[in-house]
Protein backbone atom coordinates (compact mmCIF):
# COMPACT_ATOMS: atom_id res chain seq x y z
CA MET A 1 79.03 39.82 80.18
CA SER A 2 81.69 42.43 80.58
CA GLY A 3 79.69 43.94 83.41
CA LEU A 4 79.49 40.57 85.07
CA THR A 5 83.20 40.01 84.68
CA GLY A 6 84.15 43.10 86.56
CA SER A 7 81.73 42.61 89.41
CA PRO A 8 83.21 42.08 92.88
CA ASP A 9 81.03 39.02 93.53
CA ALA A 10 82.26 37.17 90.38
CA SER A 11 85.92 37.92 91.09
CA HIS A 12 85.54 36.73 94.64
CA TYR A 13 83.82 33.56 93.43
CA TYR A 14 86.65 32.83 90.94
CA GLU A 15 89.35 33.31 93.55
CA ASN A 16 87.64 30.80 95.84
CA ILE A 17 87.50 28.19 93.04
CA MET A 18 91.16 28.59 92.14
CA HIS A 19 92.27 28.44 95.71
CA ASN A 20 90.33 25.21 96.35
CA PHE A 21 91.59 23.67 93.10
CA ARG A 22 95.24 24.29 93.98
CA LEU A 23 94.86 22.84 97.42
CA THR A 24 93.13 19.73 96.08
CA ALA A 25 95.78 19.10 93.42
CA LEU A 26 98.68 19.54 95.74
CA ALA A 27 97.09 17.30 98.35
CA GLY A 28 96.52 14.57 95.72
CA VAL A 29 100.14 14.62 94.58
CA ILE A 30 101.46 14.45 98.13
CA ASN A 31 99.11 11.54 98.97
CA LEU A 32 100.19 9.58 95.91
CA LEU A 33 103.82 10.01 96.81
CA LEU A 34 103.19 8.96 100.38
CA ILE A 35 101.18 5.88 99.32
CA ALA A 36 103.75 4.82 96.79
CA GLY A 37 106.53 5.09 99.35
CA PRO A 38 105.61 2.20 101.65
CA SER A 39 104.47 -0.12 98.78
CA ALA A 40 107.96 -0.24 97.22
CA GLN A 41 109.99 -1.41 100.11
CA ALA A 42 112.86 -2.68 97.99
CA ALA A 43 113.08 0.48 95.80
CA PRO A 44 115.40 3.26 96.73
CA ALA A 45 114.08 6.34 98.61
CA PRO A 46 112.50 8.97 96.37
CA ASP A 47 114.54 11.96 95.35
CA ILE A 48 113.38 14.98 97.32
CA GLU A 49 114.59 17.37 94.67
CA ALA A 50 112.66 15.44 92.02
CA MET A 51 109.50 15.73 94.11
CA GLU A 52 109.95 19.47 94.49
CA ARG A 53 110.47 19.80 90.73
CA ARG A 54 107.27 17.80 90.16
CA ILE A 55 105.30 20.07 92.47
CA ARG A 56 106.61 23.19 90.71
CA GLU A 57 105.69 21.67 87.35
CA LEU A 58 102.17 21.04 88.55
CA GLU A 59 101.87 24.60 89.88
CA SER A 60 103.01 25.92 86.46
CA ARG A 61 100.37 23.89 84.69
CA LEU A 62 97.74 25.19 87.07
CA GLU A 63 98.77 28.77 86.33
CA LYS A 64 98.30 28.13 82.59
CA LEU A 65 94.77 26.92 83.29
CA GLU A 66 93.77 30.10 85.23
CA PRO A 67 92.49 32.21 82.26
CA ALA A 68 90.17 29.49 81.02
CA THR A 69 88.91 28.65 84.46
CA LYS A 70 88.34 32.32 85.26
CA ALA A 71 86.38 32.87 82.10
CA GLN A 72 84.16 29.89 82.87
CA ALA A 73 83.61 31.12 86.39
CA VAL A 74 82.60 34.58 85.13
CA ILE A 75 80.35 33.28 82.40
CA ALA A 76 78.65 30.79 84.66
CA PRO A 77 76.58 32.64 87.22
CA ALA A 78 77.10 31.86 90.82
CA PRO A 79 74.63 29.33 92.12
CA ALA A 80 71.76 31.04 93.86
CA PRO A 81 71.31 30.26 97.52
CA MET A 82 68.64 27.74 98.25
CA VAL A 83 65.50 29.40 99.65
CA ILE A 84 62.97 27.23 101.40
CA ALA A 85 59.52 28.80 101.66
CA PRO A 86 58.16 28.58 105.23
CA SER A 87 55.07 26.54 105.79
CA PRO A 88 51.81 28.18 106.95
CA GLU A 89 52.22 26.58 110.39
CA VAL A 90 55.65 28.18 110.80
CA GLU A 91 54.33 31.59 109.74
CA LYS A 92 51.48 31.28 112.23
CA LEU A 93 53.83 30.36 115.09
CA THR A 94 56.13 33.23 114.13
CA ARG A 95 53.27 35.72 114.35
CA LYS A 96 52.27 34.36 117.78
CA VAL A 97 55.83 34.66 119.08
CA ASN A 98 56.07 38.26 117.85
CA THR A 99 52.72 39.11 119.50
CA LEU A 100 53.75 37.58 122.81
CA GLU A 101 57.06 39.42 122.75
CA ARG A 102 55.28 42.74 122.20
CA LYS A 103 52.80 42.02 125.00
CA LEU A 104 55.69 41.28 127.37
CA GLU A 105 57.38 44.53 126.37
CA VAL A 106 54.18 46.54 127.05
CA GLN A 107 53.62 44.76 130.38
CA ASP A 108 57.19 45.49 131.41
CA GLU A 109 56.73 49.16 130.54
CA VAL A 110 53.50 49.37 132.57
CA THR A 111 55.00 47.52 135.56
CA THR A 112 58.11 49.72 135.56
CA GLY A 113 55.98 52.87 135.40
CA ALA A 114 53.74 51.64 138.24
CA PHE A 115 56.73 50.91 140.48
CA LYS A 116 58.11 54.38 139.83
CA LYS A 117 54.82 55.88 141.09
CA LEU A 118 54.67 53.87 144.32
CA PRO A 119 55.06 55.95 147.54
CA LYS A 120 58.07 55.54 149.83
CA PHE A 121 57.50 54.26 153.36
CA ASP A 122 59.91 55.05 156.19
CA ALA A 123 59.93 54.38 159.93
CA GLY A 124 62.80 55.89 161.90
CA ASP A 125 63.86 58.62 164.32
CA SER A 126 61.48 61.10 162.70
CA GLY A 127 58.41 58.88 163.08
CA PHE A 128 56.43 57.14 160.37
CA LYS A 129 56.55 58.82 156.96
CA ILE A 130 54.86 58.24 153.64
CA THR A 131 56.43 60.21 150.79
CA SER A 132 55.31 60.36 147.17
CA SER A 133 57.67 58.94 144.54
CA ASP A 134 58.53 62.42 143.25
CA GLY A 135 59.17 63.76 146.78
CA LYS A 136 56.59 66.54 146.47
CA HIS A 137 54.13 65.23 149.08
CA GLN A 138 54.60 63.73 152.52
CA LEU A 139 52.50 62.53 155.43
CA ARG A 140 54.16 61.98 158.79
CA ILE A 141 52.45 60.25 161.71
CA ARG A 142 53.63 61.20 165.19
CA GLY A 143 52.47 60.77 168.76
CA ALA A 144 53.18 61.52 172.41
CA VAL A 145 52.02 60.10 175.74
CA GLN A 146 52.84 61.70 179.10
CA ALA A 147 51.90 59.92 182.32
CA ASP A 148 52.54 62.00 185.45
CA GLY A 149 52.67 61.44 189.18
CA ARG A 150 52.57 64.30 191.76
CA PHE A 151 53.15 63.83 195.46
CA PHE A 152 53.07 66.70 197.95
CA TRP A 153 55.44 66.79 200.91
CA GLU A 154 53.29 68.31 203.64
CA ASP A 155 49.66 68.07 204.66
CA THR A 156 48.48 71.68 204.90
CA ALA A 157 45.30 73.54 204.07
CA ASN A 158 46.72 74.44 200.65
CA LYS A 159 48.22 71.04 199.93
CA GLY A 160 47.57 69.60 196.49
CA ILE A 161 46.13 66.17 195.93
CA ASP A 162 48.57 63.31 195.45
CA SER A 163 47.64 61.95 192.05
CA MET A 164 48.67 60.07 188.96
CA ASP A 165 47.40 61.59 185.76
CA LEU A 166 47.49 61.24 182.02
CA LYS A 167 48.83 64.64 181.00
CA GLN A 168 48.95 64.09 177.25
CA ALA A 169 47.77 61.48 174.78
CA ARG A 170 48.39 62.97 171.36
CA LEU A 171 48.42 61.45 167.91
CA TRP A 172 48.95 63.87 165.08
CA ILE A 173 49.70 64.07 161.40
CA GLU A 174 51.93 66.59 159.70
CA GLY A 175 53.74 66.91 156.41
CA PHE A 176 53.69 68.91 153.21
CA LEU A 177 52.01 69.16 149.81
CA TYR A 178 53.80 70.26 146.64
CA LYS A 179 56.96 70.70 148.77
CA ASP A 180 55.96 74.12 150.13
CA ILE A 181 52.54 73.76 151.79
CA TYR A 182 53.07 72.35 155.29
CA TYR A 183 50.31 71.24 157.63
CA LYS A 184 49.77 69.92 161.15
CA LEU A 185 46.70 68.49 162.84
CA MET A 186 47.18 67.46 166.49
CA PRO A 187 44.28 66.34 168.71
CA ASP A 188 44.81 65.57 172.40
CA PHE A 189 42.80 62.64 173.77
CA ALA A 190 43.82 63.39 177.37
CA ALA A 191 42.14 66.83 177.38
CA GLY A 192 40.18 67.45 180.55
CA SER A 193 42.26 65.30 182.94
CA LYS A 194 42.01 66.60 186.50
CA VAL A 195 45.07 67.51 188.54
CA ASN A 196 43.45 68.80 191.72
CA ALA A 197 40.25 70.32 193.06
CA ASP A 198 41.05 73.79 191.69
CA GLN A 199 42.37 73.06 188.22
CA THR A 200 41.73 70.85 185.25
CA VAL A 201 44.48 70.31 182.71
CA GLY A 202 43.48 70.47 179.09
CA GLY A 203 39.96 71.29 178.03
CA ASP A 204 41.35 71.78 174.52
CA ILE A 205 41.00 68.70 172.38
CA LEU A 206 42.77 70.28 169.39
CA PRO A 207 45.88 72.21 170.50
CA ASP A 208 47.39 72.61 167.03
CA ALA A 209 45.79 72.82 163.59
CA TYR A 210 47.53 74.97 161.01
CA ILE A 211 48.73 75.37 157.42
CA ASP A 212 52.06 77.01 156.61
CA TYR A 213 52.85 78.12 153.07
CA ALA A 214 56.66 78.08 153.32
CA TYR A 215 57.51 79.04 149.75
CA HIS A 216 60.70 80.89 150.70
CA SER A 217 62.90 80.85 153.81
CA ALA A 218 62.60 84.63 154.15
CA ALA A 219 58.80 84.78 154.10
CA SER A 220 56.24 82.11 155.01
CA LEU A 221 52.55 82.42 155.80
CA LEU A 222 51.18 80.50 158.80
CA VAL A 223 47.41 80.33 159.45
CA GLY A 224 45.28 78.38 161.92
CA LYS A 225 45.72 77.57 165.58
CA PHE A 226 49.23 77.49 167.03
CA LYS A 227 51.56 79.02 169.63
CA PRO A 228 51.97 82.80 169.32
CA ALA A 229 55.64 83.81 169.10
CA LEU A 230 55.93 85.44 172.52
CA SER A 231 57.35 83.33 175.35
CA LEU A 232 60.62 81.54 174.50
CA GLU A 233 59.94 78.55 176.75
CA ARG A 234 56.39 78.25 175.44
CA LEU A 235 57.76 77.92 171.92
CA GLN A 236 59.88 74.98 173.03
CA GLY A 237 58.32 71.64 172.10
CA ASP A 238 55.93 70.19 174.68
CA SER A 239 58.06 67.03 174.83
CA ASP A 240 61.40 68.91 174.85
CA THR A 241 61.15 71.02 178.02
CA VAL A 242 63.70 70.55 180.80
CA PHE A 243 61.07 70.21 183.56
CA LEU A 244 57.60 68.72 183.72
CA GLU A 245 56.05 72.17 183.53
CA ARG A 246 57.22 75.56 182.32
CA ALA A 247 58.30 78.53 184.44
CA PHE A 248 56.24 81.59 185.51
CA PRO A 249 56.92 83.88 182.48
CA THR A 250 55.14 81.38 180.25
CA TYR A 251 51.85 81.87 182.08
CA LEU A 252 51.67 85.59 181.31
CA ALA A 253 51.57 84.74 177.59
CA SER A 254 48.97 82.97 175.50
CA ASN A 255 49.32 79.21 175.26
CA ARG A 256 47.69 78.89 171.84
CA ASP A 257 45.57 81.21 169.74
CA VAL A 258 43.89 81.39 166.36
CA GLY A 259 45.39 83.79 163.85
CA ILE A 260 47.71 84.46 160.95
CA GLN A 261 51.47 84.97 161.04
CA VAL A 262 54.22 85.97 158.61
CA HIS A 263 57.63 84.56 159.53
CA GLY A 264 61.05 83.90 158.04
CA GLY A 265 64.75 83.46 158.60
CA PHE A 266 68.08 84.62 157.19
CA GLY A 267 71.53 83.00 157.23
CA VAL A 268 74.95 84.54 157.78
CA ARG A 269 77.24 85.27 154.82
CA GLY A 270 78.34 82.08 153.14
CA TYR A 271 75.51 80.00 154.64
CA GLY A 272 72.05 79.83 153.14
CA ALA A 273 68.88 80.17 155.18
CA GLU A 274 66.80 77.09 155.92
CA LYS A 275 63.04 76.86 155.55
CA THR A 276 61.54 76.20 159.00
CA PRO A 277 57.76 75.82 158.87
CA GLY A 278 55.77 76.19 162.06
CA PRO A 279 55.66 78.68 164.96
CA ILE A 280 59.35 78.49 165.96
CA ASP A 281 62.65 78.87 164.10
CA ALA A 282 65.75 77.93 166.13
CA LYS A 283 68.02 77.24 163.15
CA ASN A 284 68.67 80.42 161.18
CA ALA A 285 70.96 83.30 162.18
CA ILE A 286 68.15 85.89 162.24
CA THR A 287 64.46 85.06 162.51
CA TYR A 288 61.25 87.04 162.81
CA GLN A 289 57.55 86.41 163.43
CA LEU A 290 54.71 88.91 163.04
CA GLY A 291 51.18 87.73 163.72
CA LEU A 292 47.60 88.88 164.22
CA PHE A 293 45.45 86.81 166.62
CA ASN A 294 42.03 86.85 168.23
CA GLY A 295 43.65 87.46 171.64
CA CYS A 296 42.68 85.33 174.61
CA GLY A 297 44.63 86.55 177.65
CA ASP A 298 47.18 85.09 180.06
CA ASP A 299 47.86 81.35 179.63
CA CYS A 300 44.79 81.01 177.42
CA ASN A 301 44.13 78.07 175.16
CA PRO A 302 40.85 78.43 173.23
CA ASN A 303 39.16 75.22 172.24
CA PHE A 304 38.92 74.35 168.57
CA ASN A 305 35.33 75.60 168.29
CA ALA A 306 35.71 78.72 170.49
CA GLY A 307 34.94 81.74 168.33
CA ASP A 308 36.09 85.31 168.97
CA THR A 309 33.81 87.50 171.09
CA ASN A 310 34.76 90.96 169.74
CA ASP A 311 36.37 92.82 166.85
CA ASN A 312 39.56 93.62 168.76
CA LYS A 313 42.67 91.63 167.82
CA GLU A 314 46.12 91.07 169.30
CA LEU A 315 49.34 91.91 167.45
CA VAL A 316 52.36 89.73 168.33
CA GLY A 317 55.92 90.21 167.06
CA ARG A 318 59.27 88.58 167.75
CA LEU A 319 62.87 89.07 166.60
CA PHE A 320 65.59 86.55 167.50
CA ALA A 321 69.24 86.23 166.49
CA HIS A 322 72.18 83.84 166.77
CA PRO A 323 75.03 86.39 166.45
CA PHE A 324 77.85 83.83 166.58
CA GLN A 325 76.38 81.19 164.31
CA HIS A 326 79.10 79.54 162.17
CA ALA A 327 81.72 81.77 163.82
CA SER A 328 85.24 80.64 164.66
CA VAL A 329 84.32 80.54 168.37
CA SER A 330 82.41 77.26 168.34
CA TRP A 331 81.34 77.38 171.98
CA LEU A 332 79.30 80.52 171.22
CA ASP A 333 77.59 79.05 168.17
CA GLY A 334 74.53 78.03 170.22
CA PHE A 335 73.99 81.43 171.82
CA GLY A 336 70.83 83.30 170.86
CA PHE A 337 68.88 86.25 172.15
CA GLY A 338 65.84 88.27 171.14
CA ILE A 339 62.79 90.20 172.16
CA ALA A 340 59.07 89.63 171.68
CA GLY A 341 56.02 91.69 172.46
CA SER A 342 52.27 92.00 172.02
CA ALA A 343 49.60 94.69 172.01
CA SER A 344 45.84 94.23 172.22
CA LYS A 345 42.60 95.75 173.46
CA PRO A 346 40.55 92.92 174.93
CA SER A 347 36.88 93.40 175.73
CA LYS A 348 35.58 91.68 178.88
CA LEU A 349 38.02 88.82 178.50
CA GLY A 350 37.87 86.35 181.38
CA MET A 351 41.08 85.97 183.37
CA LYS A 352 42.56 82.51 183.99
CA ASN A 353 43.74 81.54 187.47
CA LEU A 354 47.52 81.33 187.94
CA GLN A 355 49.05 78.11 189.30
CA THR A 356 52.39 76.97 190.66
CA PRO A 357 54.67 75.44 188.00
CA ILE A 358 54.99 71.77 189.04
CA GLY A 359 52.25 71.40 191.67
CA ARG A 360 49.67 73.22 189.50
CA ASN A 361 47.91 74.66 192.55
CA THR A 362 46.09 77.98 192.27
CA TYR A 363 47.79 80.86 194.09
CA LEU A 364 46.05 83.74 192.27
CA ASP A 365 42.26 83.37 191.95
CA TYR A 366 40.82 85.48 189.15
CA THR A 367 37.24 84.32 189.58
CA GLY A 368 34.92 87.10 188.40
CA VAL A 369 37.78 89.24 187.05
CA THR A 370 37.97 90.36 183.40
CA SER A 371 40.60 92.09 181.32
CA GLU A 372 39.54 95.31 179.59
CA GLY A 373 41.29 98.20 177.87
CA ASN A 374 44.76 98.20 176.35
CA SER A 375 47.09 95.32 177.12
CA TYR A 376 50.84 95.09 176.46
CA ARG A 377 53.49 92.42 176.94
CA LEU A 378 57.26 92.54 176.54
CA TYR A 379 59.53 89.47 176.60
CA PRO A 380 63.36 89.81 176.51
CA GLN A 381 64.73 86.26 176.10
CA ALA A 382 67.93 84.31 175.53
CA TYR A 383 69.44 80.82 175.55
CA TRP A 384 72.89 79.30 175.23
CA TYR A 385 73.83 75.72 174.34
CA ALA A 386 77.48 74.65 174.21
CA GLY A 387 78.22 70.93 174.18
CA PRO A 388 76.56 69.31 177.22
CA PHE A 389 75.80 72.70 178.84
CA GLY A 390 72.54 74.58 178.40
CA ALA A 391 70.94 77.74 179.84
CA MET A 392 67.75 79.69 179.26
CA ALA A 393 66.64 83.06 180.67
CA GLU A 394 63.44 84.99 180.14
CA TYR A 395 61.79 88.08 181.56
CA ALA A 396 58.15 89.09 181.13
CA MET A 397 56.43 92.42 181.69
CA SER A 398 52.65 92.45 181.37
CA SER A 399 50.48 95.53 181.66
CA GLN A 400 46.68 95.34 181.42
CA THR A 401 43.48 96.79 182.83
CA VAL A 402 41.43 94.41 184.96
CA LYS A 403 37.93 94.75 186.37
CA GLY A 404 36.33 92.93 189.27
CA ALA A 405 34.36 93.50 192.48
CA GLY A 406 33.05 96.75 190.98
CA LYS A 407 36.56 98.22 190.56
CA VAL A 408 38.92 98.82 187.63
CA VAL A 409 42.68 98.91 188.15
CA ARG A 410 45.77 98.98 186.02
CA GLN A 411 47.75 95.80 186.65
CA ASP A 412 51.49 95.59 185.96
CA ASN A 413 52.88 92.09 186.50
CA THR A 414 56.42 90.77 186.03
CA ALA A 415 57.90 87.30 185.82
CA SER A 416 61.38 85.90 185.29
CA GLU A 417 63.27 82.63 185.12
CA VAL A 418 66.78 81.23 184.80
CA THR A 419 67.31 77.56 183.93
CA VAL A 420 70.63 75.72 183.66
CA SER A 421 71.17 72.10 182.64
CA TYR A 422 74.03 69.71 181.99
CA VAL A 423 74.11 66.33 180.21
CA VAL A 424 76.55 64.27 182.27
CA THR A 425 76.78 61.43 179.74
CA GLY A 426 78.37 63.68 177.11
CA GLU A 427 75.54 64.29 174.63
CA ASP A 428 75.00 67.74 173.18
CA ASN A 429 72.45 69.87 174.99
CA SER A 430 69.78 71.47 172.84
CA PHE A 431 66.69 73.66 172.66
CA GLY A 432 65.08 70.55 171.20
CA ALA A 433 65.24 66.95 172.34
CA ILE A 434 68.40 65.28 173.67
CA LYS A 435 69.59 62.39 171.48
CA PRO A 436 71.33 59.65 173.51
CA ILE A 437 74.59 58.34 172.12
CA GLN A 438 73.62 54.85 173.28
CA ALA A 439 70.08 53.58 173.72
CA PHE A 440 69.20 52.04 177.09
CA SER A 441 70.15 48.35 177.20
CA PRO A 442 71.51 47.33 180.65
CA LEU A 443 72.38 43.78 179.62
CA GLU A 444 74.77 45.28 177.08
CA GLY A 445 76.09 47.93 179.46
CA ARG A 446 74.27 50.87 177.84
CA TRP A 447 72.29 53.28 180.00
CA GLY A 448 71.04 56.08 177.75
CA ALA A 449 71.61 59.78 178.53
CA LEU A 450 71.31 61.61 181.87
CA GLN A 451 70.66 65.32 182.31
CA PHE A 452 70.59 67.35 185.54
CA ALA A 453 68.89 70.74 185.75
CA ALA A 454 68.10 73.56 188.16
CA ARG A 455 65.71 76.51 187.85
CA TRP A 456 64.77 79.69 189.65
CA THR A 457 61.56 81.47 188.65
CA GLN A 458 59.42 84.20 190.18
CA LEU A 459 56.16 86.03 189.45
CA THR A 460 55.14 89.32 191.08
CA VAL A 461 51.57 90.60 190.84
CA ASP A 462 50.65 94.28 190.95
CA ASN A 463 49.72 95.51 194.45
CA GLY A 464 46.35 96.80 193.26
CA THR A 465 45.23 93.41 192.07
CA HIS A 466 43.81 92.35 195.46
CA SER A 467 41.23 95.10 195.33
CA VAL A 468 39.45 93.36 192.46
CA ILE A 469 39.88 89.80 193.72
CA ALA A 470 36.73 88.25 195.14
CA ASP A 471 38.56 86.00 197.61
CA PRO A 472 41.98 87.41 198.64
CA THR A 473 42.63 84.39 200.85
CA LYS A 474 43.40 82.40 197.70
CA SER A 475 45.73 84.98 196.17
CA ALA A 476 49.37 85.79 196.81
CA ARG A 477 51.19 88.86 195.53
CA GLN A 478 54.39 86.96 194.80
CA ALA A 479 55.47 83.37 194.20
CA THR A 480 59.09 82.18 194.02
CA ALA A 481 59.99 78.63 192.96
CA TRP A 482 63.22 76.62 193.13
CA THR A 483 63.28 73.42 191.10
CA LEU A 484 65.75 70.55 190.73
CA GLY A 485 65.35 67.95 188.04
CA ALA A 486 66.89 64.83 186.51
CA ASN A 487 65.99 63.56 183.06
CA TRP A 488 66.83 60.06 181.97
CA TYR A 489 66.67 59.61 178.18
CA LEU A 490 66.31 55.89 177.54
CA ASN A 491 66.47 56.39 173.78
CA ASN A 492 65.30 58.87 171.16
CA TYR A 493 61.67 58.23 172.10
CA ALA A 494 61.40 57.32 175.78
CA LEU A 495 62.15 59.60 178.73
CA VAL A 496 61.76 59.56 182.51
CA ARG A 497 61.63 62.94 184.28
CA THR A 498 61.86 63.56 188.03
CA ASP A 499 61.43 67.02 189.61
CA TYR A 500 61.44 68.42 193.10
CA GLU A 501 60.11 71.95 193.61
CA GLU A 502 59.58 74.35 196.47
CA VAL A 503 57.37 77.41 196.03
CA ALA A 504 57.38 80.25 198.59
CA PHE A 505 54.57 82.83 198.68
CA ALA A 506 54.38 86.41 199.88
CA GLY A 507 51.77 89.20 200.10
CA PHE A 508 48.52 87.78 201.46
CA ASN A 509 47.62 91.13 203.06
CA GLY A 510 47.81 89.58 206.49
CA VAL A 511 45.16 86.93 205.77
CA HIS A 512 45.64 83.86 208.02
CA GLY A 513 48.10 85.92 210.06
CA GLY A 514 50.94 85.36 207.56
CA ASN A 515 51.92 84.04 204.18
CA ARG A 516 50.70 80.85 202.58
CA PRO A 517 52.80 77.79 203.58
CA THR A 518 55.59 76.77 201.22
CA GLU A 519 54.53 74.21 198.64
CA ARG A 520 56.82 71.19 198.31
CA VAL A 521 56.13 68.67 195.61
CA PHE A 522 57.87 65.71 194.02
CA ALA A 523 56.76 64.84 190.49
CA THR A 524 57.73 62.31 187.88
CA ARG A 525 56.76 61.63 184.29
CA PHE A 526 57.18 58.76 181.88
CA GLN A 527 57.04 60.01 178.31
CA ILE A 528 56.95 58.46 174.89
CA SER A 529 57.33 60.84 171.95
CA PHE A 530 58.03 59.95 168.34
């Protein structure tokens, strides 16, 4: 009992009883006084002091009763709380509720996990992209369509055919796996479209197909079919050129080839290098490319199933720098220069005819001529982009041994070009695509971006070349082209190009009593590229 007396629960129980008892007693006394008051209307008003004395007397009596009441409260155990046993039906329903709650929790966990694994879909300026939830894998769908029109100014014996052609119809996929393994697969459905009687554009239904393991910005491994790092303008995107067609130096270099290439880039102090997968790097301060290819000659583009014909290979290297990148002189930030070169020893490699840039008419017929022996190319190159202004310059020296008409000669050819352009609507000029500030919408007073451009380019063929040419009447020793162009960028995807070009020829060895007539051609292109 003594243990029960000192327990906190018993003491608390006693205090509650005493507190309730006091309140009840005091309330009863006050009620009696209040009831008695109105019933004795004729009696005098009660003495307040007497009432207070009565209340104090009652409180004293209550205090005297505390020990006995406390003892009774301690001895008598507190009443146990009433416990009602649940019925079997209630227990059964409780179990069902608990089971359903757990099922909902599991379903919520599974649904949340499934949503976290769903890929991310995006359609914007960079095309259509599907990216894994963890960001390690991506598939990007892109495409390009180029519809051309060429119209020649004069009706001469060497005049091209006025025509409208589908130059490109490409739909390709590119992306990466495990963040570092990049890939590109680009077929061309317009391959084989005819431009004139002498030349067919395309013939290659798979221009690009490569894998690039870009683990580190300083060293990446590129394998497959792609553009060798030789001509600067060739490395420019096919949809990003200033004119419909490239200048003469491009056609002394390979278009595409199959091989392997190590490449990388380095940043200036305080700025990290950026990984740039693919054949070209126009972002880092210093870049390099070193590749080994099958070798396919001037302006070659082997089809996807064209195997190599000999053990000889072509070595291609390029070094390019942006010396003022991130410098305090902002207008020099976009200046870059470099040098590229190649060395090979082709064996009976067929030579490809050379054509004028825009008109695409043959002016050097290599029918029956092959390239044999050592071959070397050297390409000094530079560009400069500052705000709306842009310029590109390139020089090519090509030395190779050619054989034809029973003769073998050493051929040293040169080509050069200078291109300047200006975006009159204020957008930044670029080695890549121009991005209009406002998309074309005439009803809202928006007209896109407008760029004007001019180019001079020339190619000079070695004097000894005519001795191995089967038909010298189709071959000039030199061609010089002047080109004016206007490019109207409707938005980030659509573009209208217009070019006018004049090509003058020299060195027909007196055939036809003089040089070939000047070629004058107007060309236009509507292009969609995303």
